[in-house]
Every structure is written in structure tokens, then in C-alpha cells.
């Protein structure tokens, strides 16, 4: 009986740790650096299409991503996977900005990137925020301390 109760306690501890690291809630901690940015970003990210731009391939109006290499707008893996296929066809095109929530994803790292804390992405994030909400973004939490 003692071994089964200690096993249950161990499982409970693991569930607690999973909750603490965000795995149950879907919370993720974005990376604050990425080795792919310097080789994959377009030289001109000061002009980007508006967040309302539909997918260039299927014309789906939502869940679209902006490729930060070529500035093509393509739908997410939850629609028709055109952005994922774009990356699979050309691995240099590995970083994309979501027009839904302005998150940035690196397909090569398989991770979110923090566009407010990564200097190469901050101007792009500010522009996308301005285009989406018609106002400047709030300051990131780390600059408010």
C-alpha cells in the first residue's frame, strides 16, 4: 500500500509541476533571442501589409501570418497550413508574425519569440500593433520596472 500511495504522490507532484510551468494552461515563455533572425528577416520590414490581409493562396480572411523573409501573407496550420508549407519549401523563411495576436514564431526553433524584447523585432511589432489597433503599443513590462 505504501508504494501505491507514494506513486500517487509522485504523479500529483508531476501534475503540480506541469501546472507551474504552464503546460496545462497553454502559457509559454517566448525566447528572447533567435539565431535565425539575422539570416531570415527581410531588409525592409518598415512596410508591411495590413493585418486584415487574407491568405495569398486561399484568401482565408483570418488566422494569417506574415513571413518575415518575403512578406507573403499565408494562413495558419489551423486553417490550410499555407505558412507551414511555405517554411517546409524554403527553410530560410522560418520566422513569421501572427496577424491574430502579433506573436512571432520561429519554425526552425519551434518556438515563440518575444517581439517586444528582441531589438530586431521591436520596430516590426510596433508597426504591426499600430496597423492593427490604430495606436502605439504599451511599453513591455520589463521596461516599466
Protein backbone atom coordinates (compact mmCIF):
# COMPACT_ATOMS: atom_id res chain seq x y z
CA UNK A 1 0.00 0.00 0.00
CA UNK A 2 2.86 2.36 0.77
CA UNK A 3 4.30 2.11 -2.74
CA UNK A 4 1.00 2.90 -4.44
CA UNK A 5 0.41 5.95 -2.26
CA UNK A 6 3.95 7.21 -2.93
CA UNK A 7 3.41 6.64 -6.67
CA UNK A 8 0.18 8.65 -6.47
CA UNK A 9 2.02 11.39 -4.59
CA UNK A 10 4.71 11.39 -7.29
CA UNK A 11 2.07 11.74 -10.02
CA UNK A 12 0.45 14.57 -8.06
CA UNK A 13 3.83 16.33 -7.79
CA UNK A 14 4.34 15.98 -11.57
CA UNK A 15 0.86 17.40 -12.24
CA UNK A 16 1.68 20.34 -9.94
CA UNK A 17 4.96 20.97 -11.78
CA UNK A 18 3.15 20.83 -15.14
CA UNK A 19 0.68 23.43 -13.89
CA UNK A 20 3.51 25.61 -12.60
CA UNK A 21 5.33 25.64 -15.94
CA UNK A 22 2.18 26.47 -17.88
CA UNK A 23 1.72 23.22 -19.78
CA UNK A 24 -1.89 22.82 -18.69
CA UNK A 25 -2.84 26.45 -19.35
CA UNK A 26 -1.11 26.78 -22.69
CA UNK A 27 1.13 29.56 -21.34
CA UNK A 28 4.55 29.66 -22.97
CA UNK A 29 7.67 31.65 -22.30
CA UNK A 30 8.87 33.14 -25.60
CA UNK A 31 12.55 33.17 -26.46
CA UNK A 32 14.39 36.48 -26.18
CA UNK A 33 16.90 35.61 -28.90
CA UNK A 34 17.00 33.52 -32.07
CA UNK A 35 19.95 32.59 -34.27
CA UNK A 36 17.73 32.59 -37.38
CA UNK A 37 16.75 36.26 -37.30
CA UNK A 38 19.88 37.72 -38.86
CA UNK A 39 19.69 35.43 -41.90
CA UNK A 40 15.93 35.27 -42.39
CA UNK A 41 14.50 38.77 -41.93
CA UNK A 42 13.56 40.95 -44.89
CA UNK A 43 15.72 44.03 -45.26
CA UNK A 44 12.55 46.15 -45.34
CA UNK A 45 10.09 45.48 -42.56
CA UNK A 46 9.03 49.12 -42.37
CA UNK A 47 6.35 48.47 -44.99
CA UNK A 48 4.10 45.53 -44.24
CA UNK A 49 0.59 44.62 -45.38
CA UNK A 50 -2.28 45.43 -43.02
CA UNK A 51 -3.38 42.74 -40.53
CA UNK A 52 -6.66 42.36 -42.44
CA UNK A 53 -4.82 40.93 -45.48
CA UNK A 54 -6.20 37.49 -46.46
CA UNK A 55 -4.05 34.44 -47.20
CA UNK A 56 -2.32 34.88 -50.58
CA UNK A 57 -3.14 31.29 -51.57
CA UNK A 58 -6.66 30.52 -50.32
CA UNK A 59 -7.96 34.03 -49.49
CA UNK A 60 -8.97 32.92 -45.98
CA UNK A 61 -9.62 36.14 -44.02
CA UNK A 62 -8.33 35.16 -40.56
CA UNK A 63 -5.57 33.30 -38.70
CA UNK A 64 -2.99 34.66 -41.13
CA UNK A 65 0.74 35.05 -40.68
CA UNK A 66 3.28 37.38 -42.30
CA UNK A 67 6.50 35.73 -43.47
CA UNK A 68 9.28 37.99 -42.21
CA UNK A 69 11.57 36.96 -45.06
CA UNK A 70 9.42 37.74 -48.10
CA UNK A 71 6.38 39.46 -46.51
CA UNK A 72 3.93 36.97 -48.01
CA UNK A 73 0.70 36.58 -46.00
CA UNK A 74 -0.37 32.96 -45.52
CA UNK A 75 -2.84 31.11 -43.32
CA UNK A 76 -2.04 29.19 -40.16
CA UNK A 77 -1.71 25.49 -39.54
CA UNK A 78 -5.26 25.65 -38.11
CA UNK A 79 -6.71 26.77 -41.45
CA UNK A 80 -4.99 25.39 -44.58
CA UNK A 81 -1.37 25.29 -43.35
CA UNK A 82 -0.06 27.56 -46.10
CA UNK A 83 2.53 29.26 -43.85
CA UNK A 84 3.79 25.90 -42.63
CA UNK A 85 4.09 24.65 -46.24
CA UNK A 86 5.90 27.90 -47.14
CA UNK A 87 8.52 27.16 -44.46
CA UNK A 88 8.77 23.49 -45.47
CA UNK A 89 9.50 24.57 -49.07
CA UNK A 90 12.14 27.14 -48.06
CA UNK A 91 13.68 26.77 -44.61
CA UNK A 92 15.22 30.25 -44.78
CA UNK A 93 11.66 31.60 -44.46
CA UNK A 94 11.40 30.41 -40.87
CA UNK A 95 10.14 33.44 -38.91
CA UNK A 96 6.56 34.71 -39.11
CA UNK A 97 4.32 37.24 -37.35
CA UNK A 98 0.74 36.30 -36.48
CA UNK A 99 -1.79 38.92 -37.51
CA UNK A 100 -4.20 37.42 -34.94
CA UNK A 101 -2.22 38.12 -31.78
CA UNK A 102 1.03 39.68 -33.09
CA UNK A 103 3.08 36.79 -31.76
CA UNK A 104 6.24 35.80 -33.63
CA UNK A 105 7.08 32.16 -34.34
CA UNK A 106 10.35 30.64 -35.50
CA UNK A 107 9.65 27.38 -37.33
CA UNK A 108 13.32 26.35 -37.11
CA UNK A 109 13.46 26.83 -33.33
CA UNK A 110 9.88 25.56 -32.97
CA UNK A 111 9.33 28.39 -30.51
CA UNK A 112 7.68 31.75 -29.99
CA UNK A 113 9.96 34.79 -29.96
CA UNK A 114 9.36 37.89 -27.84
CA UNK A 115 9.00 40.72 -30.38
CA UNK A 116 8.99 43.37 -27.67
CA UNK A 117 12.31 42.29 -26.16
CA UNK A 118 14.25 41.32 -29.30
CA UNK A 119 15.70 44.53 -30.79
CA UNK A 120 15.44 43.31 -34.42
CA UNK A 121 11.71 42.60 -33.98
CA UNK A 122 10.63 45.57 -31.84
CA UNK A 123 10.07 48.08 -34.72
CA UNK A 124 8.09 45.46 -36.67
CA UNK A 125 5.94 44.69 -33.61
CA UNK A 126 5.28 48.41 -33.06
CA UNK A 127 4.25 48.87 -36.70
CA UNK A 128 2.00 45.79 -36.71
CA UNK A 129 0.39 46.92 -33.45
CA UNK A 130 -0.22 50.39 -34.86
CA UNK A 131 -1.77 48.94 -38.04
CA UNK A 132 -3.98 46.54 -36.07
CA UNK A 133 -5.13 48.81 -33.22
CA UNK A 134 -4.53 52.36 -34.57
CA UNK A 135 -2.45 53.26 -31.51
CA UNK A 136 1.07 52.76 -30.24
CA UNK A 137 1.69 49.58 -28.24
CA UNK A 138 2.08 49.77 -24.47
CA UNK A 139 5.62 49.52 -23.14
CA UNK A 140 6.78 45.96 -22.40
CA UNK A 141 6.65 45.02 -18.71
CA UNK A 142 10.45 44.80 -18.39
CA UNK A 143 10.85 48.49 -19.32
CA UNK A 144 8.32 49.58 -16.71
CA UNK A 145 10.36 48.28 -13.76
